[in-house]
């Protein structure tokens, strides 16, 4: 399963590795993306299965909110993320 990791760049590596152990392929947002690009990015990221939100960056929270609006799982801590089958 692909999970969108919404986290500060300084912790992305840790969470990406932890999600891999749980059976997820983490997709991250490149650093320094201009806010004008967020609407297109959001549409691309909403195609994934779920997301993990770490932190309170308003742009990342907006993406997580959109995941919730379309009924996809949003987790706010690594402990909430289940292990995938297989």
Protein backbone atom coordinates (compact mmCIF):
# COMPACT_ATOMS: atom_id res chain seq x y z
CA UNK A 1 0.00 0.00 0.00
CA UNK A 2 1.12 3.54 -0.64
CA UNK A 3 0.88 6.02 2.20
CA UNK A 4 1.44 9.73 1.92
CA UNK A 5 3.82 10.82 4.66
CA UNK A 6 3.05 14.38 5.74
CA UNK A 7 5.97 15.17 8.02
CA UNK A 8 8.75 17.71 8.49
CA UNK A 9 11.84 16.93 6.37
CA UNK A 10 14.02 16.33 9.44
CA UNK A 11 11.98 13.23 10.43
CA UNK A 12 10.96 11.88 7.01
CA UNK A 13 13.75 9.28 6.88
CA UNK A 14 12.78 7.78 10.25
CA UNK A 15 9.08 7.57 9.40
CA UNK A 16 9.74 6.26 5.88
CA UNK A 17 11.81 3.38 7.30
CA UNK A 18 9.25 2.66 10.02
CA UNK A 19 6.42 2.58 7.49
CA UNK A 20 8.39 0.23 5.25
CA UNK A 21 8.67 -2.21 8.16
CA UNK A 22 4.87 -2.02 8.48
CA UNK A 23 4.45 -2.87 4.79
CA UNK A 24 3.83 0.61 3.37
CA UNK A 25 5.63 2.48 0.61
CA UNK A 26 5.88 6.07 1.82
CA UNK A 27 5.41 8.95 -0.61
CA UNK A 28 6.65 12.34 0.57
CA UNK A 29 6.20 15.91 -0.57
CA UNK A 30 9.40 17.45 -1.92
CA UNK A 31 10.81 20.22 0.26
CA UNK A 32 10.33 23.79 -0.90
CA UNK A 33 7.24 23.24 -3.02
CA UNK A 34 5.61 26.64 -3.68
CA UNK A 35 2.17 26.95 -2.12
CA UNK A 36 0.70 27.68 -5.56
CA UNK A 37 1.56 24.09 -6.56
CA UNK A 38 -0.39 22.56 -3.66
CA UNK A 39 -3.77 22.19 -5.46
CA UNK A 40 -2.19 20.01 -8.17
CA UNK A 41 -0.07 18.15 -5.63
CA UNK A 42 -3.10 17.50 -3.48
CA UNK A 43 -4.93 15.82 -6.36
CA UNK A 44 -1.89 13.62 -7.02
CA UNK A 45 -1.54 12.63 -3.38
CA UNK A 46 -5.24 11.89 -2.87
CA UNK A 47 -4.85 8.96 -5.30
CA UNK A 48 -2.89 7.08 -2.61
CA UNK A 49 -4.43 4.75 -0.02
CA UNK A 50 -3.98 6.72 3.21
CA UNK A 51 -1.77 9.24 4.98
CA UNK A 52 0.23 9.77 8.12
CA UNK A 53 0.24 13.35 9.39
CA UNK A 54 3.10 14.32 11.71
CA UNK A 55 3.08 17.94 12.82
CA UNK A 56 0.83 20.90 12.24
CA UNK A 57 2.04 22.56 9.04
CA UNK A 58 -1.12 24.17 7.57
CA UNK A 59 -0.47 22.88 4.03
CA UNK A 60 0.03 19.32 5.27
CA UNK A 61 -3.03 19.51 7.51
CA UNK A 62 -5.06 20.65 4.49
CA UNK A 63 -3.97 17.57 2.55
CA UNK A 64 -4.85 15.31 5.50
CA UNK A 65 -8.26 16.99 5.82
CA UNK A 66 -8.95 16.20 2.18
CA UNK A 67 -8.06 12.55 2.75
CA UNK A 68 -10.63 12.47 5.55
CA UNK A 69 -13.26 14.17 3.38
CA UNK A 70 -13.05 11.39 0.80
CA UNK A 71 -13.13 8.69 3.45
CA UNK A 72 -9.50 7.58 3.38
CA UNK A 73 -7.61 6.80 6.60
CA UNK A 74 -5.56 9.54 8.23
CA UNK A 75 -3.29 8.61 11.11
CA UNK A 76 -1.63 11.17 13.36
CA UNK A 77 0.96 8.97 15.01
CA UNK A 78 3.01 5.99 13.94
CA UNK A 79 1.40 3.87 16.67
CA UNK A 80 -1.97 4.21 14.89
CA UNK A 81 -0.67 2.82 11.57
CA UNK A 82 -1.51 -0.89 11.21
CA UNK A 83 0.76 -3.44 9.63
CA UNK A 84 -0.35 -4.48 6.15
CA UNK A 85 -1.11 -8.10 5.37
CA UNK A 86 1.51 -9.88 3.32
